[in-house]
Protein backbone atom coordinates (compact mmCIF):
# COMPACT_ATOMS: atom_id res chain seq x y z
CA MET A 1 6.72 -35.39 23.42
CA THR A 2 6.34 -32.03 25.19
CA ALA A 3 8.85 -29.36 24.27
CA THR A 4 10.56 -27.53 27.12
CA ILE A 5 12.03 -24.07 27.01
CA ALA A 6 15.01 -23.17 29.12
CA PRO A 7 14.86 -19.87 31.02
CA GLY A 8 17.56 -18.35 28.81
CA ASP A 9 15.61 -19.35 25.71
CA ALA A 10 12.48 -17.71 27.08
CA VAL A 11 14.38 -14.43 27.45
CA ARG A 12 15.69 -14.67 23.93
CA MET A 13 12.22 -15.51 22.62
CA GLY A 14 10.88 -12.29 24.03
CA GLY A 15 13.65 -10.09 22.62
CA PRO A 16 13.64 -7.84 19.58
CA GLY A 17 15.82 -10.28 17.63
CA TRP A 18 13.23 -13.01 18.10
CA LEU A 19 10.44 -10.67 17.00
CA LEU A 20 12.36 -9.61 13.89
CA ALA A 21 13.07 -13.25 13.04
CA ASN A 22 9.34 -14.02 13.33
CA VAL A 23 8.46 -11.08 11.09
CA ALA A 24 11.06 -12.18 8.53
CA THR A 25 9.65 -15.72 8.53
CA VAL A 26 6.07 -14.56 7.96
CA THR A 27 7.24 -12.09 5.32
CA ALA A 28 9.08 -14.86 3.47
CA ARG A 29 5.99 -17.06 3.67
CA ASN A 30 3.81 -14.37 2.10
CA LEU A 31 6.33 -13.58 -0.64
CA HIS A 32 6.74 -17.29 -1.39
CA ARG A 33 2.97 -17.58 -1.77
CA LEU A 34 2.98 -14.58 -4.12
CA VAL A 35 5.54 -16.25 -6.37
CA ARG A 36 3.76 -19.62 -6.40
CA VAL A 37 0.25 -18.38 -7.24
CA PRO A 38 -0.03 -17.28 -10.90
CA THR A 39 -3.03 -15.02 -10.34
CA LEU A 40 -1.18 -13.10 -7.64
CA ILE A 41 1.82 -12.67 -9.96
CA ALA A 42 -0.51 -11.32 -12.65
CA PHE A 43 -2.13 -8.96 -10.17
CA ALA A 44 1.29 -7.66 -9.12
CA THR A 45 2.69 -7.26 -12.66
CA VAL A 46 0.14 -7.12 -15.46
CA GLN A 47 -2.38 -4.86 -13.75
CA PRO A 48 0.07 -2.03 -12.88
CA VAL A 49 1.47 -2.06 -16.43
CA LEU A 50 -2.05 -1.89 -17.85
CA PHE A 51 -2.83 1.05 -15.57
CA VAL A 52 0.17 2.97 -16.89
CA LEU A 53 -0.55 2.26 -20.56
CA LEU A 54 -4.34 2.55 -20.54
CA PHE A 55 -4.63 5.76 -18.55
CA THR A 56 -1.78 7.39 -20.44
CA TYR A 57 -2.98 6.60 -23.95
CA ALA A 58 -6.74 6.68 -23.32
CA TRP A 59 -6.77 10.01 -21.50
CA GLY A 60 -3.47 11.63 -22.42
CA GLY A 61 -4.77 13.13 -25.66
CA ALA A 62 -7.78 14.74 -23.98
CA ILE A 63 -6.28 15.94 -20.69
CA HIS A 64 -3.68 18.72 -20.68
CA PRO A 65 -2.80 19.70 -17.10
CA PRO A 66 -1.00 23.03 -16.75
CA GLY A 67 2.74 22.97 -16.22
CA VAL A 68 3.50 19.67 -17.94
CA THR A 69 4.31 18.80 -21.52
CA ARG A 70 3.54 15.09 -21.36
CA TYR A 71 0.49 13.71 -19.55
CA ILE A 72 2.50 10.73 -18.31
CA ASP A 73 4.61 13.10 -16.17
CA TYR A 74 1.43 14.31 -14.48
CA ALA A 75 -0.36 10.97 -14.27
CA LEU A 76 2.30 8.48 -13.16
CA PRO A 77 2.52 9.60 -9.50
CA GLY A 78 -1.25 9.16 -9.25
CA ILE A 79 -1.10 5.79 -11.01
CA TRP A 80 1.49 4.70 -8.42
CA VAL A 81 -1.04 5.39 -5.67
CA LEU A 82 -3.84 3.71 -7.62
CA ALA A 83 -1.84 0.50 -8.15
CA ILE A 84 -0.61 0.45 -4.55
CA ALA A 85 -4.13 0.96 -3.20
CA PHE A 86 -5.59 -1.78 -5.39
CA GLY A 87 -2.76 -4.11 -4.41
CA ALA A 88 -3.18 -3.33 -0.72
CA SER A 89 -6.77 -4.58 -0.88
CA GLN A 90 -5.23 -8.05 -1.16
CA THR A 91 -3.86 -7.62 2.36
CA GLY A 92 -7.37 -7.77 3.75
CA VAL A 93 -8.24 -10.67 1.46
CA ALA A 94 -5.19 -12.66 2.57
CA LEU A 95 -5.78 -12.10 6.28
CA ALA A 96 -9.48 -12.93 5.98
CA ASP A 97 -8.51 -16.09 4.09
CA ASP A 98 -6.00 -17.06 6.78
CA LEU A 99 -8.71 -16.62 9.41
CA ALA A 100 -11.28 -18.60 7.41
CA THR A 101 -8.94 -21.49 6.62
CA GLY A 102 -7.52 -21.83 10.11
CA MET A 103 -4.00 -20.66 9.23
CA ILE A 104 -4.11 -18.08 12.00
CA ASP A 105 -4.91 -20.86 14.48
CA ARG A 106 -1.81 -22.70 13.29
CA PHE A 107 0.27 -19.58 13.87
CA ARG A 108 -1.14 -19.36 17.40
CA ALA A 109 0.11 -22.87 18.12
CA LEU A 110 3.67 -21.88 17.24
CA PRO A 111 6.14 -20.19 19.62
CA MET A 112 6.02 -16.89 17.77
CA ALA A 113 5.03 -13.30 18.40
CA ARG A 114 1.42 -12.60 17.50
CA SER A 115 2.32 -9.21 16.07
CA ALA A 116 4.58 -10.93 13.52
CA VAL A 117 1.55 -12.11 11.53
CA LEU A 118 0.38 -8.56 10.82
CA ALA A 119 3.84 -7.02 10.55
CA GLY A 120 5.03 -9.79 8.23
CA ARG A 121 2.01 -9.29 5.99
CA VAL A 122 2.67 -5.54 5.76
CA ALA A 123 6.40 -6.08 5.15
CA ALA A 124 5.64 -8.48 2.29
CA ASP A 125 3.29 -5.89 0.80
CA ALA A 126 6.03 -3.26 1.03
CA ALA A 127 8.42 -5.54 -0.86
CA ARG A 128 5.77 -6.16 -3.51
CA ASN A 129 5.06 -2.45 -3.76
CA LEU A 130 8.75 -1.68 -4.32
CA PHE A 131 8.75 -4.12 -7.23
CA VAL A 132 5.50 -2.66 -8.61
CA LEU A 133 6.84 0.90 -8.38
CA ALA A 134 10.04 -0.08 -10.19
CA LEU A 135 8.03 -1.87 -12.88
CA MET A 136 5.63 1.03 -13.46
CA THR A 137 8.45 3.57 -13.48
CA GLY A 138 10.34 1.50 -16.04
CA VAL A 139 7.28 1.29 -18.27
CA GLY A 140 6.68 5.01 -17.74
CA TYR A 141 10.24 5.81 -18.80
CA ALA A 142 9.73 3.76 -21.96
CA ILE A 143 6.77 5.97 -22.97
CA GLY A 144 8.20 9.34 -21.98
CA PHE A 145 8.06 9.79 -18.19
CA ARG A 146 11.00 11.56 -16.56
CA PHE A 147 11.94 12.70 -13.06
CA HIS A 148 12.54 16.45 -13.29
CA ALA A 149 13.83 17.25 -9.79
CA GLY A 150 16.93 15.08 -9.58
CA PRO A 151 17.86 11.73 -8.01
CA ALA A 152 17.28 12.77 -4.38
CA ALA A 153 13.73 13.92 -5.05
CA ALA A 154 13.09 10.78 -7.13
CA LEU A 155 14.25 8.58 -4.25
CA ALA A 156 12.11 10.59 -1.82
CA ALA A 157 9.09 10.05 -4.09
CA ILE A 158 9.62 6.27 -4.07
CA VAL A 159 10.01 6.23 -0.27
CA LEU A 160 6.87 8.35 0.16
CA ALA A 161 4.92 6.04 -2.17
CA LEU A 162 6.07 3.05 -0.11
CA ALA A 163 4.91 4.82 3.05
CA VAL A 164 1.49 5.33 1.45
CA GLY A 165 1.44 1.60 0.71
CA VAL A 166 2.22 0.75 4.34
CA ALA A 167 -0.70 2.91 5.49
CA PHE A 168 -3.04 1.24 3.00
CA SER A 169 -1.84 -2.21 4.07
CA TRP A 170 -2.64 -1.59 7.73
CA ILE A 171 -6.06 -0.15 6.86
CA PHE A 172 -6.96 -3.14 4.71
CA ALA A 173 -5.52 -5.53 7.28
CA LEU A 174 -8.01 -4.07 9.74
CA LEU A 175 -10.79 -4.46 7.20
CA GLY A 176 -9.92 -8.12 6.59
CA LEU A 177 -9.90 -8.84 10.31
CA LEU A 178 -13.27 -7.13 10.74
CA VAL A 179 -15.17 -8.88 7.94
CA ARG A 180 -13.33 -12.27 8.19
CA ASP A 181 -14.48 -13.21 4.68
CA PRO A 182 -12.09 -13.00 1.68
CA GLU A 183 -14.73 -11.95 -0.87
CA SER A 184 -16.19 -9.30 1.40
CA ALA A 185 -12.69 -7.98 2.18
CA GLY A 186 -11.88 -7.68 -1.52
CA ILE A 187 -15.13 -5.94 -2.42
CA GLY A 188 -14.98 -3.68 0.63
CA GLY A 189 -11.43 -2.65 -0.19
CA LEU A 190 -12.28 -1.67 -3.75
CA LEU A 191 -15.42 0.19 -2.67
CA ALA A 192 -13.27 2.25 -0.33
CA VAL A 193 -10.50 2.95 -2.85
CA ILE A 194 -12.42 3.76 -6.05
CA PRO A 195 -14.36 6.84 -4.80
CA LEU A 196 -11.26 8.29 -3.12
CA ILE A 197 -9.11 7.81 -6.23
CA PHE A 198 -11.58 9.34 -8.68
CA THR A 199 -12.45 12.29 -6.44
CA SER A 200 -8.81 13.32 -6.13
CA SER A 201 -6.11 14.87 -8.29
CA THR A 202 -4.95 11.43 -9.44
CA PHE A 203 -5.82 11.96 -13.10
CA VAL A 204 -7.01 15.55 -13.50
CA PRO A 205 -6.47 18.84 -11.63
CA VAL A 206 -8.92 19.42 -8.81
CA ALA A 207 -9.76 22.81 -10.37
CA THR A 208 -11.66 20.99 -13.13
CA PHE A 209 -14.14 19.50 -10.63
CA PRO A 210 -17.49 21.09 -9.74
CA GLY A 211 -17.20 23.50 -6.83
CA TRP A 212 -18.96 21.23 -4.33
CA LEU A 213 -16.62 18.34 -5.22
CA GLN A 214 -13.50 20.48 -5.03
CA ALA A 215 -14.15 21.06 -1.33
CA PHE A 216 -13.87 17.33 -0.67
CA ALA A 217 -11.10 16.70 -3.21
CA ASN A 218 -8.82 19.29 -1.63
CA VAL A 219 -8.86 17.46 1.72
CA ASN A 220 -8.95 13.98 0.23
CA PRO A 221 -5.85 12.15 1.55
CA ILE A 222 -5.29 10.74 -1.93
CA THR A 223 -5.08 14.27 -3.34
CA VAL A 224 -2.64 15.29 -0.62
CA THR A 225 -0.32 12.33 -1.19
CA VAL A 226 -0.53 12.42 -5.00
CA ASP A 227 0.25 16.16 -5.01
CA ALA A 228 3.29 15.51 -2.81
CA LEU A 229 4.52 12.74 -5.09
CA ARG A 230 3.90 14.91 -8.14
CA ALA A 231 5.88 17.78 -6.63
CA LEU A 232 8.82 15.47 -5.96
CA CYS A 233 8.69 14.15 -9.52
CA LEU A 234 8.10 17.40 -11.39
CA GLY A 235 10.08 19.79 -9.20
CA GLY A 236 9.12 23.08 -7.62
CA PRO A 237 8.06 23.73 -4.02
CA THR A 238 7.70 20.43 -2.16
CA ALA A 239 7.91 21.08 1.59
CA THR A 240 4.25 21.90 2.24
CA ASN A 241 2.91 19.07 0.11
CA VAL A 242 5.28 16.50 1.60
CA TRP A 243 4.61 17.53 5.20
CA GLN A 244 0.86 17.40 4.64
CA ALA A 245 1.21 13.93 3.13
CA LEU A 246 3.37 12.74 6.04
CA ILE A 247 0.82 14.06 8.53
CA TRP A 248 -1.95 12.17 6.76
CA ILE A 249 0.11 8.98 6.58
CA GLY A 250 1.13 9.28 10.24
CA GLY A 251 -2.46 9.87 11.31
CA LEU A 252 -3.76 6.89 9.35
CA LEU A 253 -1.03 4.64 10.78
CA ALA A 254 -1.67 5.91 14.31
CA ALA A 255 -5.33 4.94 13.95
CA ALA A 256 -5.02 1.74 11.90
CA ILE A 257 -2.13 -0.07 13.61
CA PRO A 258 -3.56 -0.14 17.16
CA ALA A 259 -7.04 -0.93 15.83
CA ALA A 260 -5.70 -3.81 13.70
CA VAL A 261 -3.64 -5.22 16.58
CA ILE A 262 -6.58 -5.06 18.98
CA ARG A 263 -8.88 -6.69 16.42
CA TYR A 264 -6.30 -9.39 15.72
CA ARG A 265 -6.00 -10.21 19.41
CA HIS A 266 -9.76 -10.32 19.71
CA SER A 267 -10.06 -12.56 16.61
CA THR A 268 -7.45 -15.00 17.93
CA ALA A 269 -8.55 -15.01 21.56
CA THR A 270 -9.43 -18.43 22.91
């Protein structure tokens, strides 16, 4: 039997409500998969907790950044970014897997917006990141972390961290669409994240780096975003750091979203 679509239905299918419904459906599918796969649950829960505990207790006794009493206050904003970046690498893995297994072809056969596949993946990642941030912050509070700039700044820090996660998700979505292989997407994502994380202010002040490395670290987008998050958590002047972070995030999104959409259309073209 061939399905027919009335003219009024066609208009509704092209509207914003239809697009949002498609995005919600794909988001729910990705979150349902996260809950049903034990390894993904472990990746989203155990790994962030280990990051908080290991980096705090392994390095906290040796590293004493200026202006803070407890290392966890300095480190947790950077650990947020580390966990979000590592988690976002799974975006590329998932999209590459969907391409390899033919799931994307099944989506193409459905009366749905093509952009919903990418947007739904990113929305699911944002929901996961919110859970991960809450989990890490709870563990951090248990071992001494505190927000020092009040509830509004704390909320702004969480929102900014989520925005960083959205940028990472779109970048790794593009990577997954480019390589089309889950293993390559996972390895490529980690190879991109690890050098940026460890050449930034994530764990130690940039001033402790060699001079030649400081020049890169100061313009590293990870440094910029971690410094903004740290300012919101610890207090003090925040405007410059936050605006610089927003400019970086906006620039990355402006480059990654169109590139990912174009690559997705090319990958799914008949």
